[in-house]
C-alpha cells in the first residue's frame, strides 16, 4: 500500500523526460558515469600508493636490519 508501484515510476520517468529532454538526460548520465570512473581510478591509485609505501617501508626495515646485523661483525673484527 505505501510502496511505489511500477506505474507510478513510469509516470515519474515520463515527466522527467518531458521536462529535461533526452539529450540533457543522456549528457547527465555520461557526466555521472565519468565521475564514477574518475572516483574508481582515484581509489585504485590510493590503494597502489599505499601498497608502494608499505613495500618501501618493508625494504627499509630489511635494509636497516641487515645493517644492524653487519655492525657487530665489524666490531668483532676490530677487536680481534
N, C-alpha and C. Protein backbone atom coordinates (compact mmCIF):
# COMPACT_ATOMS: atom_id res chain seq x y z
N UNK A 1 0.81 -1.19 0.00
CA UNK A 1 0.00 0.00 0.00
C UNK A 1 0.85 1.26 0.00
N UNK A 2 1.89 1.31 0.84
CA UNK A 2 2.68 2.51 0.97
C UNK A 2 3.81 2.59 -0.04
N UNK A 3 4.07 1.51 -0.81
CA UNK A 3 5.17 1.49 -1.76
C UNK A 3 4.81 2.17 -3.07
N UNK A 4 5.84 2.37 -3.89
CA UNK A 4 5.63 2.97 -5.21
C UNK A 4 5.49 1.84 -6.21
N UNK A 5 4.40 1.87 -7.00
CA UNK A 5 4.19 0.82 -7.99
C UNK A 5 4.94 1.14 -9.27
N UNK A 6 4.97 0.18 -10.17
CA UNK A 6 5.66 0.34 -11.44
C UNK A 6 5.02 1.44 -12.27
N UNK A 7 3.71 1.57 -12.20
CA UNK A 7 3.01 2.61 -12.96
C UNK A 7 3.38 4.00 -12.48
N UNK A 8 3.52 4.16 -11.19
CA UNK A 8 3.92 5.46 -10.66
C UNK A 8 5.34 5.81 -11.09
N UNK A 9 6.24 4.83 -11.11
CA UNK A 9 7.60 5.05 -11.57
C UNK A 9 7.64 5.44 -13.05
N UNK A 10 6.81 4.78 -13.86
CA UNK A 10 6.75 5.11 -15.28
C UNK A 10 6.24 6.53 -15.51
N UNK A 11 5.25 6.94 -14.76
CA UNK A 11 4.72 8.30 -14.88
C UNK A 11 5.77 9.32 -14.48
N UNK A 12 6.51 9.06 -13.40
CA UNK A 12 7.59 9.96 -12.97
C UNK A 12 8.68 10.04 -14.03
N UNK A 13 9.05 8.89 -14.61
CA UNK A 13 10.07 8.87 -15.66
C UNK A 13 9.60 9.66 -16.88
N UNK A 14 8.36 9.54 -17.26
CA UNK A 14 7.81 10.27 -18.40
C UNK A 14 7.85 11.78 -18.14
N UNK A 15 7.50 12.19 -16.94
CA UNK A 15 7.52 13.62 -16.59
C UNK A 15 8.95 14.15 -16.63
N UNK A 16 9.91 13.38 -16.12
CA UNK A 16 11.31 13.80 -16.12
C UNK A 16 11.81 13.94 -17.55
N UNK A 17 11.47 12.99 -18.41
CA UNK A 17 11.89 13.05 -19.81
C UNK A 17 11.28 14.27 -20.50
N UNK A 18 10.02 14.55 -20.22
CA UNK A 18 9.38 15.71 -20.83
C UNK A 18 10.00 17.02 -20.34
N UNK A 19 10.36 17.08 -19.07
CA UNK A 19 10.93 18.31 -18.53
C UNK A 19 12.34 18.58 -19.03
N UNK A 20 13.19 17.57 -19.01
CA UNK A 20 14.60 17.77 -19.30
C UNK A 20 14.99 17.41 -20.73
N UNK A 21 14.28 16.52 -21.36
CA UNK A 21 14.64 16.10 -22.71
C UNK A 21 15.66 14.98 -22.67
N UNK A 22 15.73 14.22 -23.74
CA UNK A 22 16.61 13.04 -23.76
C UNK A 22 18.08 13.44 -23.88
N UNK A 23 18.38 14.54 -24.61
CA UNK A 23 19.78 14.94 -24.77
C UNK A 23 20.38 15.34 -23.42
N UNK A 24 19.64 16.10 -22.67
CA UNK A 24 20.15 16.55 -21.37
C UNK A 24 20.32 15.36 -20.42
N UNK A 25 19.37 14.44 -20.44
CA UNK A 25 19.48 13.26 -19.58
C UNK A 25 20.65 12.38 -20.01
N UNK A 26 20.88 12.27 -21.34
CA UNK A 26 21.99 11.47 -21.83
C UNK A 26 23.32 12.08 -21.40
N UNK A 27 23.44 13.40 -21.50
CA UNK A 27 24.69 14.06 -21.08
C UNK A 27 24.86 13.98 -19.56
N UNK A 28 23.76 14.06 -18.84
CA UNK A 28 23.83 13.91 -17.38
C UNK A 28 24.30 12.52 -16.99
N UNK A 29 23.80 11.50 -17.70
CA UNK A 29 24.24 10.13 -17.44
C UNK A 29 25.72 9.94 -17.78
N UNK A 30 26.16 10.54 -18.88
CA UNK A 30 27.58 10.45 -19.25
C UNK A 30 28.47 11.13 -18.22
N UNK A 31 28.03 12.30 -17.75
CA UNK A 31 28.81 13.02 -16.73
C UNK A 31 28.88 12.22 -15.43
N UNK A 32 27.76 11.63 -15.06
CA UNK A 32 27.73 10.82 -13.84
C UNK A 32 28.63 9.60 -13.98
N UNK A 33 28.59 8.95 -15.14
CA UNK A 33 29.46 7.79 -15.39
C UNK A 33 30.93 8.18 -15.35
N UNK A 34 31.26 9.34 -15.92
CA UNK A 34 32.65 9.81 -15.90
C UNK A 34 33.12 10.11 -14.48
N UNK A 35 32.22 10.66 -13.67
CA UNK A 35 32.57 10.95 -12.29
C UNK A 35 32.83 9.67 -11.50
N UNK A 36 32.00 8.66 -11.73
CA UNK A 36 32.19 7.38 -11.04
C UNK A 36 33.49 6.73 -11.48
N UNK A 37 33.78 6.80 -12.78
CA UNK A 37 35.03 6.22 -13.30
C UNK A 37 36.25 6.92 -12.71
N UNK A 38 36.18 8.26 -12.64
CA UNK A 38 37.26 9.02 -12.03
C UNK A 38 37.46 8.68 -10.57
N UNK A 39 36.36 8.50 -9.86
CA UNK A 39 36.43 8.13 -8.44
C UNK A 39 37.09 6.76 -8.27
N UNK A 40 36.71 5.81 -9.11
CA UNK A 40 37.31 4.47 -9.03
C UNK A 40 38.81 4.52 -9.32
N UNK A 41 39.19 5.31 -10.33
CA UNK A 41 40.61 5.45 -10.65
C UNK A 41 41.37 6.07 -9.49
N UNK A 42 40.78 7.07 -8.87
CA UNK A 42 41.44 7.72 -7.73
C UNK A 42 41.58 6.75 -6.56
N UNK A 43 40.56 5.94 -6.33
CA UNK A 43 40.64 4.97 -5.23
C UNK A 43 41.68 3.91 -5.53
N UNK A 44 41.76 3.43 -6.76
CA UNK A 44 42.77 2.42 -7.08
C UNK A 44 44.16 3.02 -7.02
N UNK A 45 44.30 4.29 -7.36
CA UNK A 45 45.59 4.96 -7.25
C UNK A 45 46.00 5.07 -5.79
N UNK A 46 45.05 5.38 -4.91
CA UNK A 46 45.34 5.44 -3.47
C UNK A 46 45.79 4.08 -2.96
N UNK A 47 45.11 3.02 -3.40
CA UNK A 47 45.49 1.67 -2.98
C UNK A 47 46.90 1.33 -3.47
N UNK A 48 47.20 1.72 -4.72
CA UNK A 48 48.53 1.47 -5.28
C UNK A 48 49.59 2.23 -4.50
N UNK A 49 49.30 3.49 -4.15
CA UNK A 49 50.25 4.29 -3.38
C UNK A 49 50.49 3.66 -2.01
N UNK A 50 49.42 3.20 -1.37
CA UNK A 50 49.55 2.59 -0.05
C UNK A 50 50.38 1.31 -0.13
N UNK A 51 50.15 0.50 -1.16
CA UNK A 51 50.91 -0.74 -1.33
C UNK A 51 52.38 -0.42 -1.58
N UNK A 52 52.65 0.61 -2.38
CA UNK A 52 54.02 1.01 -2.66
C UNK A 52 54.71 1.50 -1.39
N UNK A 53 54.01 2.30 -0.58
CA UNK A 53 54.59 2.78 0.67
C UNK A 53 54.88 1.63 1.63
N UNK A 54 53.96 0.67 1.69
CA UNK A 54 54.19 -0.49 2.55
C UNK A 54 55.40 -1.29 2.09
N UNK A 55 55.53 -1.44 0.78
CA UNK A 55 56.65 -2.19 0.22
C UNK A 55 57.97 -1.48 0.52
N UNK A 56 57.97 -0.15 0.38
CA UNK A 56 59.18 0.62 0.67
C UNK A 56 59.52 0.55 2.15
N UNK A 57 58.52 0.59 3.01
CA UNK A 57 58.77 0.51 4.44
C UNK A 57 59.37 -0.85 4.80
N UNK A 58 58.87 -1.91 4.17
CA UNK A 58 59.41 -3.25 4.42
C UNK A 58 60.86 -3.35 3.96
N UNK A 59 61.16 -2.81 2.78
CA UNK A 59 62.53 -2.89 2.29
C UNK A 59 63.46 -2.04 3.14
N UNK A 60 62.98 -0.90 3.64
CA UNK A 60 63.79 -0.06 4.52
C UNK A 60 64.07 -0.79 5.83
N UNK A 61 63.06 -1.47 6.35
CA UNK A 61 63.24 -2.22 7.59
C UNK A 61 64.24 -3.35 7.39
N UNK A 62 64.17 -4.02 6.24
CA UNK A 62 65.10 -5.11 5.97
C UNK A 62 66.52 -4.57 5.82
N UNK A 63 66.67 -3.43 5.16
CA UNK A 63 67.99 -2.83 4.97
C UNK A 63 68.59 -2.42 6.31
N UNK A 64 67.77 -1.83 7.17
CA UNK A 64 68.29 -1.43 8.48
C UNK A 64 68.61 -2.65 9.33
N UNK A 65 67.85 -3.72 9.17
CA UNK A 65 68.13 -4.95 9.91
C UNK A 65 69.44 -5.55 9.43
N UNK A 66 69.69 -5.52 8.11
CA UNK A 66 70.93 -6.04 7.58
C UNK A 66 72.11 -5.20 8.05
N UNK A 67 71.91 -3.89 8.10
CA UNK A 67 72.98 -3.01 8.56
C UNK A 67 73.28 -3.28 10.03
N UNK A 68 72.25 -3.52 10.82
CA UNK A 68 72.44 -3.82 12.24
C UNK A 68 73.17 -5.15 12.40
N UNK A 69 72.83 -6.11 11.56
CA UNK A 69 73.49 -7.42 11.63
C UNK A 69 74.97 -7.30 11.26
N UNK A 70 75.32 -6.43 10.35
CA UNK A 70 76.70 -6.30 9.90
C UNK A 70 77.57 -5.53 10.88
N UNK A 71 77.00 -4.64 11.63
CA UNK A 71 77.78 -3.83 12.55
C UNK A 71 78.50 -4.66 13.62
N UNK A 72 77.86 -5.63 14.25
CA UNK A 72 78.59 -6.42 15.25
C UNK A 72 79.75 -7.19 14.64
N UNK A 73 79.61 -7.64 13.40
CA UNK A 73 80.72 -8.37 12.76
C UNK A 73 81.93 -7.46 12.60
N UNK A 74 81.70 -6.23 12.20
CA UNK A 74 82.83 -5.32 12.01
C UNK A 74 83.48 -4.99 13.35
N UNK A 75 82.69 -4.91 14.42
CA UNK A 75 83.25 -4.65 15.75
C UNK A 75 84.07 -5.84 16.21
N UNK A 76 83.58 -7.05 15.90
CA UNK A 76 84.34 -8.24 16.28
C UNK A 76 85.68 -8.29 15.54
N UNK A 77 85.70 -7.89 14.29
CA UNK A 77 86.94 -7.88 13.52
C UNK A 77 87.91 -6.85 14.07
N UNK A 78 87.37 -5.70 14.50
CA UNK A 78 88.23 -4.66 15.04
C UNK A 78 88.86 -5.11 16.36
N UNK A 79 88.11 -5.85 17.17
CA UNK A 79 88.61 -6.29 18.45
C UNK A 79 89.66 -7.38 18.28
N UNK A 80 89.56 -8.18 17.24
CA UNK A 80 90.48 -9.29 17.01
C UNK A 80 91.77 -8.80 16.47
